C-alpha atoms as a PDB file:
ATOM      1  CA  MET A   1    -112.431   6.133 104.720  1.00  0.00           C
ATOM      2  CA  VAL A   2    -109.234   7.257 106.725  1.00  0.00           C
ATOM      3  CA  ALA A   3    -106.875   3.874 107.031  1.00  0.00           C
ATOM      4  CA  LEU A   4    -106.124   3.268 111.137  1.00  0.00           C
ATOM      5  CA  SER A   5    -103.104   2.664 113.096  1.00  0.00           C
ATOM      6  CA  ARG A   6    -102.872  -0.087 113.949  1.00  0.00           C
ATOM      7  CA  ARG A   7    -101.454   1.095 116.925  1.00  0.00           C
ATOM      8  CA  TRP A   8    -105.583   2.393 117.420  1.00  0.00           C
ATOM      9  CA  ARG A   9    -106.784  -0.578 119.158  1.00  0.00           C
ATOM     10  CA  ILE A  10    -103.974  -0.550 121.875  1.00  0.00           C
ATOM     11  CA  MET A  11    -104.819   2.626 122.411  1.00  0.00           C
ATOM     12  CA  LYS A  12    -106.930   3.961 125.320  1.00  0.00           C
ATOM     13  CA  VAL A  13    -109.405   6.562 124.466  1.00  0.00           C
ATOM     14  CA  GLY A  14    -111.199   8.931 126.624  1.00  0.00           C
ATOM     15  CA  LEU A  15    -113.399  12.051 126.747  1.00  0.00           C
ATOM     16  CA  GLY A  16    -112.877  15.482 128.267  1.00  0.00           C
ATOM     17  CA  LEU A  17    -116.684  17.082 129.169  1.00  0.00           C
ATOM     18  CA  PRO A  18    -118.142  20.284 127.835  1.00  0.00           C
ATOM     19  CA  ILE A  19    -118.701  23.240 130.778  1.00  0.00           C
ATOM     20  CA  SER A  20    -121.873  24.420 129.591  1.00  0.00           C
ATOM     21  CA  ASP A  21    -124.281  22.211 130.298  1.00  0.00           C
ATOM     22  CA  LEU A  22    -124.201  20.738 134.590  1.00  0.00           C
ATOM     23  CA  PRO A  23    -127.067  18.903 134.996  1.00  0.00           C
ATOM     24  CA  SER A  24    -126.122  16.679 131.789  1.00  0.00           C
ATOM     25  CA  LEU A  25    -122.900  15.581 133.300  1.00  0.00           C
ATOM     26  CA  LEU A  26    -123.676  12.743 135.115  1.00  0.00           C
ATOM     27  CA  THR A  27    -125.627  11.299 131.865  1.00  0.00           C
ATOM     28  CA  TRP A  28    -122.180  11.886 130.004  1.00  0.00           C
ATOM     29  CA  ALA A  29    -120.054   9.734 132.550  1.00  0.00           C
ATOM     30  CA  ARG A  30    -122.336   6.656 132.729  1.00  0.00           C
ATOM     31  CA  ARG A  31    -123.373   6.992 129.112  1.00  0.00           C
ATOM     32  CA  ALA A  32    -119.151   6.909 128.398  1.00  0.00           C
ATOM     33  CA  GLU A  33    -118.823   4.161 131.402  1.00  0.00           C
ATOM     34  CA  ALA A  34    -121.158   2.198 129.166  1.00  0.00           C
ATOM     35  CA  GLY A  35    -119.163   2.983 125.408  1.00  0.00           C
ATOM     36  CA  PRO A  36    -115.674   2.115 125.070  1.00  0.00           C
ATOM     37  CA  PHE A  37    -114.335   5.169 126.742  1.00  0.00           C
ATOM     38  CA  THR A  38    -111.315   4.583 129.601  1.00  0.00           C
ATOM     39  CA  THR A  39    -111.453   8.216 130.834  1.00  0.00           C
ATOM     40  CA  LEU A  40    -113.785  11.175 131.325  1.00  0.00           C
ATOM     41  CA  GLY A  41    -111.703  14.567 131.511  1.00  0.00           C
ATOM     42  CA  LEU A  42    -112.560  18.125 133.001  1.00  0.00           C
ATOM     43  CA  LEU A  43    -110.731  21.596 132.676  1.00  0.00           C
ATOM     44  CA  ASP A  44    -110.152  24.323 135.062  1.00  0.00           C
ATOM     45  CA  ARG A  45    -111.263  27.891 134.975  1.00  0.00           C
ATOM     46  CA  ILE A  46    -111.466  30.298 138.061  1.00  0.00           C
ATOM     47  CA  VAL A  47    -112.813  33.272 136.185  1.00  0.00           C
ATOM     48  CA  TYR A  48    -115.594  31.815 134.235  1.00  0.00           C
ATOM     49  CA  ASP A  49    -118.955  29.561 134.092  1.00  0.00           C
ATOM     50  CA  ASN A  50    -117.344  26.368 134.661  1.00  0.00           C
ATOM     51  CA  PRO A  51    -117.813  23.827 137.793  1.00  0.00           C
ATOM     52  CA  GLU A  52    -115.219  23.145 140.060  1.00  0.00           C
ATOM     53  CA  PRO A  53    -113.236  20.372 138.591  1.00  0.00           C
ATOM     54  CA  MET A  54    -112.558  18.358 141.963  1.00  0.00           C
ATOM     55  CA  VAL A  55    -116.158  18.963 143.429  1.00  0.00           C
ATOM     56  CA  THR A  56    -117.721  17.635 139.851  1.00  0.00           C
ATOM     57  CA  LEU A  57    -114.930  14.277 139.246  1.00  0.00           C
ATOM     58  CA  ALA A  58    -115.994  13.395 143.113  1.00  0.00           C
ATOM     59  CA  ALA A  59    -120.083  13.230 141.659  1.00  0.00           C
ATOM     60  CA  ILE A  60    -119.101  11.719 138.178  1.00  0.00           C
ATOM     61  CA  ALA A  61    -116.818   8.762 140.400  1.00  0.00           C
ATOM     62  CA  ALA A  62    -119.277   7.866 142.249  1.00  0.00           C
ATOM     63  CA  ALA A  63    -122.302   7.805 139.329  1.00  0.00           C
ATOM     64  CA  THR A  64    -119.757   5.186 138.103  1.00  0.00           C
ATOM     65  CA  THR A  65    -117.870   1.783 138.790  1.00  0.00           C
ATOM     66  CA  ARG A  66    -114.994   1.755 135.881  1.00  0.00           C
ATOM     67  CA  ILE A  67    -113.943   4.868 134.246  1.00  0.00           C
ATOM     68  CA  ARG A  68    -111.209   7.038 135.015  1.00  0.00           C
ATOM     69  CA  VAL A  69    -111.967  10.862 136.284  1.00  0.00           C
ATOM     70  CA  GLN A  70    -108.755  12.965 135.457  1.00  0.00           C
ATOM     71  CA  THR A  71    -108.222  16.882 135.912  1.00  0.00           C
ATOM     72  CA  GLU A  72    -107.534  18.336 132.240  1.00  0.00           C
ATOM     73  CA  VAL A  73    -105.413  20.384 133.590  1.00  0.00           C
ATOM     74  CA  LEU A  74    -106.045  21.474 137.195  1.00  0.00           C
ATOM     75  CA  LEU A  75    -103.848  24.847 137.533  1.00  0.00           C
ATOM     76  CA  ALA A  76    -102.592  23.788 140.802  1.00  0.00           C
ATOM     77  CA  PRO A  77    -101.055  27.292 142.038  1.00  0.00           C
ATOM     78  CA  LEU A  78    -104.067  28.342 142.414  1.00  0.00           C
ATOM     79  CA  ARG A  79    -104.435  25.854 145.140  1.00  0.00           C
ATOM     80  CA  GLU A  80    -103.259  26.020 148.774  1.00  0.00           C
ATOM     81  CA  PRO A  81    -101.319  22.548 148.274  1.00  0.00           C
ATOM     82  CA  VAL A  82    -101.674  21.011 151.647  1.00  0.00           C
ATOM     83  CA  LEU A  83    -106.000  20.919 151.137  1.00  0.00           C
ATOM     84  CA  LEU A  84    -105.175  20.150 147.527  1.00  0.00           C
ATOM     85  CA  ALA A  85    -103.109  16.415 148.894  1.00  0.00           C
ATOM     86  CA  LYS A  86    -105.881  15.809 151.322  1.00  0.00           C
ATOM     87  CA  GLN A  87    -108.726  16.358 148.126  1.00  0.00           C
ATOM     88  CA  SER A  88    -107.323  14.365 145.768  1.00  0.00           C
ATOM     89  CA  ALA A  89    -106.095  11.846 148.399  1.00  0.00           C
ATOM     90  CA  THR A  90    -109.642  11.503 149.401  1.00  0.00           C
ATOM     91  CA  LEU A  91    -110.970  11.318 145.627  1.00  0.00           C
ATOM     92  CA  ASP A  92    -108.499   8.939 144.947  1.00  0.00           C
ATOM     93  CA  ARG A  93    -109.782   6.979 147.480  1.00  0.00           C
ATOM     94  CA  MET A  94    -112.969   7.092 147.664  1.00  0.00           C
ATOM     95  CA  SER A  95    -113.162   6.667 143.298  1.00  0.00           C
ATOM     96  CA  GLY A  96    -111.107   2.826 143.619  1.00  0.00           C
ATOM     97  CA  GLY A  97    -107.901   4.631 142.751  1.00  0.00           C
ATOM     98  CA  ARG A  98    -109.695   6.071 139.159  1.00  0.00           C
ATOM     99  CA  LEU A  99    -107.650   9.707 139.742  1.00  0.00           C
ATOM    100  CA  THR A 100    -105.213  10.803 136.962  1.00  0.00           C
ATOM    101  CA  LEU A 101    -104.151  14.491 138.466  1.00  0.00           C
ATOM    102  CA  GLY A 102    -102.969  16.269 135.124  1.00  0.00           C
ATOM    103  CA  VAL A 103    -101.800  19.701 136.684  1.00  0.00           C
ATOM    104  CA  GLY A 104    -100.227  22.766 134.686  1.00  0.00           C
ATOM    105  CA  VAL A 105     -99.593  26.470 135.565  1.00  0.00           C
ATOM    106  CA  GLY A 106    -101.988  28.157 133.533  1.00  0.00           C
ATOM    107  CA  ALA A 107    -102.295  31.275 131.451  1.00  0.00           C
ATOM    108  CA  ARG A 108    -105.175  33.442 132.643  1.00  0.00           C
ATOM    109  CA  PRO A 109    -103.752  36.310 134.828  1.00  0.00           C
ATOM    110  CA  GLU A 110    -107.415  36.942 135.634  1.00  0.00           C
ATOM    111  CA  ASP A 111    -107.811  33.848 137.575  1.00  0.00           C
ATOM    112  CA  PHE A 112    -104.776  34.711 139.881  1.00  0.00           C
ATOM    113  CA  LEU A 113    -105.877  37.387 140.449  1.00  0.00           C
ATOM    114  CA  ALA A 114    -109.334  36.342 141.484  1.00  0.00           C
ATOM    115  CA  VAL A 115    -107.603  34.797 144.111  1.00  0.00           C
ATOM    116  CA  GLY A 116    -105.221  37.081 145.162  1.00  0.00           C
ATOM    117  CA  ALA A 117    -102.686  34.797 143.554  1.00  0.00           C
ATOM    118  CA  ASP A 118     -98.910  35.508 141.789  1.00  0.00           C
ATOM    119  CA  TYR A 119     -99.120  34.903 138.663  1.00  0.00           C
ATOM    120  CA  THR A 120     -95.710  35.676 137.297  1.00  0.00           C
ATOM    121  CA  THR A 121     -94.377  32.716 139.887  1.00  0.00           C
ATOM    122  CA  ARG A 122     -96.702  30.278 139.274  1.00  0.00           C
ATOM    123  CA  GLY A 123     -93.999  27.417 137.792  1.00  0.00           C
ATOM    124  CA  ARG A 124     -91.850  28.307 140.670  1.00  0.00           C
ATOM    125  CA  ARG A 125     -94.580  28.067 142.968  1.00  0.00           C
ATOM    126  CA  VAL A 126     -95.892  24.284 141.117  1.00  0.00           C
ATOM    127  CA  ASP A 127     -92.092  22.977 141.924  1.00  0.00           C
ATOM    128  CA  GLU A 128     -92.764  24.339 145.427  1.00  0.00           C
ATOM    129  CA  MET A 129     -95.912  21.993 145.705  1.00  0.00           C
ATOM    130  CA  MET A 130     -95.258  18.849 144.129  1.00  0.00           C
ATOM    131  CA  PRO A 131     -92.497  17.529 146.727  1.00  0.00           C
ATOM    132  CA  VAL A 132     -95.665  19.093 149.857  1.00  0.00           C
ATOM    133  CA  LEU A 133     -97.707  17.293 147.569  1.00  0.00           C
ATOM    134  CA  LYS A 134     -95.784  13.789 147.674  1.00  0.00           C
ATOM    135  CA  ARG A 135     -94.418  13.480 151.398  1.00  0.00           C
ATOM    136  CA  ILE A 136     -97.900  13.865 152.464  1.00  0.00           C
ATOM    137  CA  TRP A 137     -99.596  11.116 149.999  1.00  0.00           C
ATOM    138  CA  SER A 138     -96.427   8.879 151.399  1.00  0.00           C
ATOM    139  CA  GLY A 139     -97.773   9.519 154.510  1.00  0.00           C
ATOM    140  CA  GLN A 140     -95.028  10.658 155.743  1.00  0.00           C
ATOM    141  CA  PRO A 141     -95.430  14.074 158.673  1.00  0.00           C
ATOM    142  CA  CYS A 142     -96.899  17.332 156.912  1.00  0.00           C
ATOM    143  CA  GLY A 143     -93.694  19.194 158.496  1.00  0.00           C
ATOM    144  CA  ASP A 144     -91.540  19.167 161.892  1.00  0.00           C
ATOM    145  CA  GLN A 145     -95.009  20.466 164.334  1.00  0.00           C
ATOM    146  CA  VAL A 146     -97.530  18.497 161.657  1.00  0.00           C
ATOM    147  CA  GLY A 147     -98.142  15.383 161.712  1.00  0.00           C
ATOM    148  CA  PRO A 148     -99.028  13.103 158.413  1.00  0.00           C
ATOM    149  CA  ILE A 149    -102.141  14.045 157.140  1.00  0.00           C
ATOM    150  CA  GLY A 150    -104.804  11.730 155.629  1.00  0.00           C
ATOM    151  CA  PRO A 151    -106.088   9.655 153.679  1.00  0.00           C
ATOM    152  CA  ALA A 152    -103.927   7.235 152.082  1.00  0.00           C
ATOM    153  CA  PRO A 153    -104.431   7.393 148.192  1.00  0.00           C
ATOM    154  CA  ALA A 154    -105.364   4.036 146.796  1.00  0.00           C
ATOM    155  CA  ARG A 155    -102.005   4.510 145.356  1.00  0.00           C
ATOM    156  CA  GLU A 156     -98.608   4.045 146.757  1.00  0.00           C
ATOM    157  CA  ASN A 157     -97.223   7.835 146.759  1.00  0.00           C
ATOM    158  CA  GLY A 158    -100.595   9.527 145.118  1.00  0.00           C
ATOM    159  CA  PRO A 159    -102.799   9.098 142.902  1.00  0.00           C
ATOM    160  CA  GLU A 160    -101.546   8.958 138.876  1.00  0.00           C
ATOM    161  CA  LEU A 161     -99.537  12.371 138.206  1.00  0.00           C
ATOM    162  CA  LEU A 162     -99.389  13.863 134.466  1.00  0.00           C
ATOM    163  CA  PHE A 163     -98.663  17.773 133.419  1.00  0.00           C
ATOM    164  CA  GLY A 164    -100.083  19.726 130.691  1.00  0.00           C
ATOM    165  CA  GLY A 165     -97.767  22.078 128.990  1.00  0.00           C
ATOM    166  CA  PHE A 166     -95.608  23.763 126.315  1.00  0.00           C
ATOM    167  CA  VAL A 167     -92.258  25.307 127.934  1.00  0.00           C
ATOM    168  CA  PRO A 168     -89.240  23.113 128.965  1.00  0.00           C
ATOM    169  CA  ALA A 169     -89.736  23.056 132.450  1.00  0.00           C
ATOM    170  CA  ALA A 170     -93.606  22.024 132.070  1.00  0.00           C
ATOM    171  CA  LEU A 171     -91.323  18.619 130.549  1.00  0.00           C
ATOM    172  CA  LYS A 172     -88.736  18.604 133.169  1.00  0.00           C
ATOM    173  CA  ARG A 173     -91.476  18.487 135.548  1.00  0.00           C
ATOM    174  CA  VAL A 174     -92.800  15.210 133.755  1.00  0.00           C
ATOM    175  CA  ALA A 175     -89.341  13.807 134.679  1.00  0.00           C
ATOM    176  CA  ARG A 176     -88.686  14.995 138.448  1.00  0.00           C
ATOM    177  CA  TRP A 177     -92.592  14.503 139.795  1.00  0.00           C
ATOM    178  CA  GLY A 178     -94.827  13.501 137.323  1.00  0.00           C
ATOM    179  CA  ASP A 179     -95.859   9.859 135.853  1.00  0.00           C
ATOM    180  CA  GLY A 180     -96.324  11.293 132.100  1.00  0.00           C
ATOM    181  CA  TYR A 181     -97.316  14.134 129.902  1.00  0.00           C
ATOM    182  CA  LEU A 182    -100.681  15.687 128.253  1.00  0.00           C
ATOM    183  CA  SER A 183    -100.503  17.498 125.378  1.00  0.00           C
ATOM    184  CA  ALA A 184    -102.843  19.734 124.104  1.00  0.00           C
ATOM    185  CA  THR A 185    -101.640  20.564 120.539  1.00  0.00           C
ATOM    186  CA  PRO A 186    -102.575  19.133 117.427  1.00  0.00           C
ATOM    187  CA  VAL A 187    -100.938  16.253 116.919  1.00  0.00           C
ATOM    188  CA  GLU A 188     -98.631  17.872 114.210  1.00  0.00           C
ATOM    189  CA  HIS A 189     -97.557  19.547 116.678  1.00  0.00           C
ATOM    190  CA  THR A 190     -96.790  17.737 119.514  1.00  0.00           C
ATOM    191  CA  ASP A 191     -94.348  14.912 117.896  1.00  0.00           C
ATOM    192  CA  GLN A 192     -91.372  16.904 119.650  1.00  0.00           C
ATOM    193  CA  LEU A 193     -93.181  17.129 122.764  1.00  0.00           C
ATOM    194  CA  PHE A 194     -93.312  13.699 123.011  1.00  0.00           C
ATOM    195  CA  ARG A 195     -90.295  12.725 122.598  1.00  0.00           C
ATOM    196  CA  THR A 196     -88.821  15.957 124.625  1.00  0.00           C
ATOM    197  CA  ALA A 197     -90.396  14.364 127.485  1.00  0.00           C
ATOM    198  CA  GLU A 198     -89.237  10.793 126.619  1.00  0.00           C
ATOM    199  CA  LYS A 199     -85.606  12.548 126.482  1.00  0.00           C
ATOM    200  CA  GLU A 200     -86.346  14.388 129.867  1.00  0.00           C
ATOM    201  CA  TRP A 201     -87.115  11.260 131.207  1.00  0.00           C
ATOM    202  CA  ALA A 202     -84.141   8.670 130.426  1.00  0.00           C
ATOM    203  CA  ALA A 203     -81.646  12.130 131.574  1.00  0.00           C
ATOM    204  CA  ALA A 204     -83.413  11.883 135.195  1.00  0.00           C
ATOM    205  CA  GLY A 205     -82.678   8.399 135.236  1.00  0.00           C
ATOM    206  CA  ARG A 206     -86.282   7.277 135.299  1.00  0.00           C
ATOM    207  CA  ALA A 207     -86.893   3.679 134.472  1.00  0.00           C
ATOM    208  CA  GLY A 208     -89.483   2.414 131.385  1.00  0.00           C
ATOM    209  CA  ARG A 209     -91.140   5.559 129.803  1.00  0.00           C
ATOM    210  CA  PRO A 210     -93.398   8.462 130.449  1.00  0.00           C
ATOM    211  CA  ARG A 211     -97.045   7.936 129.829  1.00  0.00           C
ATOM    212  CA  LEU A 212     -98.030   9.700 126.979  1.00  0.00           C
ATOM    213  CA  VAL A 213    -101.283  11.682 126.359  1.00  0.00           C
ATOM    214  CA  GLY A 214    -102.871  13.822 123.689  1.00  0.00           C
ATOM    215  CA  GLN A 215    -105.751  15.858 123.295  1.00  0.00           C
ATOM    216  CA  VAL A 216    -108.110  17.166 120.373  1.00  0.00           C
ATOM    217  CA  ASN A 217    -110.833  18.957 120.612  1.00  0.00           C
ATOM    218  CA  VAL A 218    -113.642  17.522 118.983  1.00  0.00           C
ATOM    219  CA  VAL A 219    -117.848  17.677 117.931  1.00  0.00           C
ATOM    220  CA  LEU A 220    -119.450  15.047 115.981  1.00  0.00           C
ATOM    221  CA  GLY A 221    -123.151  15.807 115.131  1.00  0.00           C
ATOM    222  CA  PRO A 222    -125.450  17.811 112.639  1.00  0.00           C
ATOM    223  CA  GLN A 223    -124.806  21.372 112.444  1.00  0.00           C
ATOM    224  CA  SER A 224    -127.180  22.648 114.998  1.00  0.00           C
ATOM    225  CA  VAL A 225    -124.239  20.123 117.727  1.00  0.00           C
ATOM    226  CA  VAL A 226    -120.804  22.082 115.798  1.00  0.00           C
ATOM    227  CA  GLU A 227    -122.138  25.441 115.509  1.00  0.00           C
ATOM    228  CA  ASP A 228    -123.204  24.773 119.341  1.00  0.00           C
ATOM    229  CA  ALA A 229    -119.257  23.904 120.247  1.00  0.00           C
ATOM    230  CA  LYS A 230    -117.731  26.495 117.807  1.00  0.00           C
ATOM    231  CA  GLN A 231    -119.173  29.067 120.460  1.00  0.00           C
ATOM    232  CA  ALA A 232    -118.639  27.350 123.301  1.00  0.00           C
ATOM    233  CA  ILE A 233    -114.779  26.539 122.187  1.00  0.00           C
ATOM    234  CA  ASP A 234    -114.252  30.054 120.990  1.00  0.00           C
ATOM    235  CA  SER A 235    -115.701  31.732 123.927  1.00  0.00           C
ATOM    236  CA  TYR A 236    -113.512  29.784 126.767  1.00  0.00           C
ATOM    237  CA  TYR A 237    -110.480  30.950 124.687  1.00  0.00           C
ATOM    238  CA  ALA A 238    -111.096  34.621 123.714  1.00  0.00           C
ATOM    239  CA  SER A 239    -109.505  35.829 126.912  1.00  0.00           C
ATOM    240  CA  LEU A 240    -106.197  33.896 124.787  1.00  0.00           C
ATOM    241  CA  ALA A 241    -107.000  35.913 121.327  1.00  0.00           C
ATOM    242  CA  GLY A 242    -103.947  36.278 119.257  1.00  0.00           C
ATOM    243  CA  THR A 243    -101.515  34.427 121.868  1.00  0.00           C
ATOM    244  CA  TYR A 244    -103.400  31.010 121.475  1.00  0.00           C
ATOM    245  CA  GLU A 245    -104.222  29.110 118.451  1.00  0.00           C
ATOM    246  CA  VAL A 246    -108.101  26.877 119.268  1.00  0.00           C
ATOM    247  CA  HIS A 247    -108.107  23.893 116.183  1.00  0.00           C
ATOM    248  CA  MET A 248    -111.280  21.745 116.301  1.00  0.00           C
ATOM    249  CA  VAL A 249    -112.161  18.263 114.416  1.00  0.00           C
ATOM    250  CA  THR A 250    -115.664  17.935 113.531  1.00  0.00           C
ATOM    251  CA  THR A 251    -116.112  15.569 110.823  1.00  0.00           C
ATOM    252  CA  ALA A 252    -115.406  11.305 111.421  1.00  0.00           C
ATOM    253  CA  ASP A 253    -112.604  11.069 109.144  1.00  0.00           C
ATOM    254  CA  GLN A 254    -110.624  13.809 111.109  1.00  0.00           C
ATOM    255  CA  ILE A 255    -111.473  12.279 114.418  1.00  0.00           C
ATOM    256  CA  ARG A 256    -109.639   9.286 113.032  1.00  0.00           C
ATOM    257  CA  SER A 257    -107.173  11.128 111.516  1.00  0.00           C
ATOM    258  CA  ALA A 258    -106.252  12.282 114.735  1.00  0.00           C
ATOM    259  CA  ILE A 259    -106.852   9.279 116.662  1.00  0.00           C
ATOM    260  CA  SER A 260    -104.127   7.782 114.442  1.00  0.00           C
ATOM    261  CA  GLY A 261    -101.545  10.700 114.003  1.00  0.00           C
ATOM    262  CA  PHE A 262    -101.613  10.019 118.005  1.00  0.00           C
ATOM    263  CA  ALA A 263    -101.298   6.443 118.215  1.00  0.00           C
ATOM    264  CA  ASP A 264     -98.516   6.776 115.270  1.00  0.00           C
ATOM    265  CA  LEU A 265     -96.699   9.025 117.623  1.00  0.00           C
ATOM    266  CA  GLY A 266     -96.653   6.937 120.826  1.00  0.00           C
ATOM    267  CA  ALA A 267     -99.719   7.785 122.789  1.00  0.00           C
ATOM    268  CA  ASP A 268    -100.717   5.665 125.366  1.00  0.00           C
ATOM    269  CA  GLU A 269    -104.524   7.697 125.112  1.00  0.00           C
ATOM    270  CA  VAL A 270    -106.375   9.983 123.145  1.00  0.00           C
ATOM    271  CA  MET A 271    -108.591  12.583 125.394  1.00  0.00           C
ATOM    272  CA  LEU A 272    -111.461  13.364 122.564  1.00  0.00           C
ATOM    273  CA  TYR A 273    -112.914  16.735 124.225  1.00  0.00           C
ATOM    274  CA  CYS A 274    -115.684  17.868 123.179  1.00  0.00           C
ATOM    275  CA  TRP A 275    -117.120  21.157 123.224  1.00  0.00           C
ATOM    276  CA  ALA A 276    -120.601  20.676 122.757  1.00  0.00           C
ATOM    277  CA  HIS A 277    -123.318  20.185 125.553  1.00  0.00           C
ATOM    278  CA  ASP A 278    -125.633  17.464 123.482  1.00  0.00           C
ATOM    279  CA  PRO A 279    -124.863  13.828 125.252  1.00  0.00           C
ATOM    280  CA  ASP A 280    -125.592  11.759 122.369  1.00  0.00           C
ATOM    281  CA  GLN A 281    -121.853  12.901 120.995  1.00  0.00           C
ATOM    282  CA  VAL A 282    -120.644  10.096 123.443  1.00  0.00           C
ATOM    283  CA  ASP A 283    -122.828   7.817 121.519  1.00  0.00           C
ATOM    284  CA  ARG A 284    -121.212   8.885 118.068  1.00  0.00           C
ATOM    285  CA  LEU A 285    -118.128   8.749 119.405  1.00  0.00           C
ATOM    286  CA  ALA A 286    -118.244   5.365 120.498  1.00  0.00           C
ATOM    287  CA  ASP A 287    -119.506   4.071 117.019  1.00  0.00           C
ATOM    288  CA  LEU A 288    -116.231   5.493 115.475  1.00  0.00           C
ATOM    289  CA  VAL A 289    -113.930   4.390 118.266  1.00  0.00           C
ATOM    290  CA  ALA A 290    -115.550   1.208 118.688  1.00  0.00           C
END
């Protein structure tokens, strides 16, 4: 058995939800909440057979009472900022402050074509959106001729905000606007990203340190479950073939090693992103984490 980091016991562990079987997601959520998990995450695409994350997480929040819900990550440039501010504040308020809004810029041009958004300016659009979201969440007027837009989020100045991404601009957004950074790279490639996020945070004069979250693609179960997960993840990343290397760990020892690795890097939480639709994975992973 892999030796576990001493920080494991104080680090949170969440689950990323599969997208291949929508009716099972509430079962996943209830099982996860009954176990040791702290957060449920859900990815975002437009041109794919996946559920819309804000709608789905609202249903999950209604079916649970303790566990947090997280977009992992929401493709913010595809959204109109005022409506996104209202949607996220509503979900945060109705869930009792359990929303973490994970934000990214997106890497697939077809998602932008589908909604008529400009792919080439997606990073700039996120930078332009952030002050709009913050202004609305803080209760200020939306503009010179537009008053405040409610409801107020549960947390003052908005829900917890994480940024994902691998380029310097993403890490600068963490320091300027966010509460933390979400790394979707394998643990062996994450150290420099975490350290850069911390340096940007300090350079911006922020107090304390950014919240650091790691993500690892996992599947745990019999061979049929493993094959289901491999097919699902290969399909999801097919359009990025040649530009994005997919990693997934498939054994208990590999998962323990990944969790310990992120703990040693100073992660506050690690998200185990599941790809097979078998909900018994939740119990297997809960036993491993516990």
